[in-house]
Amino acid sequence: MTLSQTFGSNVTTLVGEAILSPSSHNTQPWRFRTSDTAIDVFADRTRALPVNDPEDRELTISCGCALFNLRAAAAAHGLGVTVTLLPSARSTWVGASARKTGSWRRHHP
């Protein structure tokens, strides 16, 4: 099985674990775009709270939590990822891409 197949077969699991992240007022303001080699995370502006969070600070923190959980899930499954910020004119939160970089060997005590 190639690394791409390993990453691709875990995409649903990784996103499923990422969406368990905490978010401001449980708004879950993120969207995921997936492929066999990457998972992109973007802010979902339809879930923004302009009255409570006019500067999108909490929205940004919430998306960062989802990205962190995605990275932690990949590590737990022995998958190496590299995160790259993605500039986007359509979102105040730039978004990020987690791309597979290799496998990590898990060490058990």
Foldseek 3Di string as FASTA:
>chain_A
DDLLQVQQVCPVVLLVQLQVFDADVSLSQWDWDDDSFKIKIDGNVVSDDCVVCVPCPRSLVRSVRSVVRSCVVCVVVQWQWDKDFAQDPVHPRRIIMTGTDGGHDDDDD
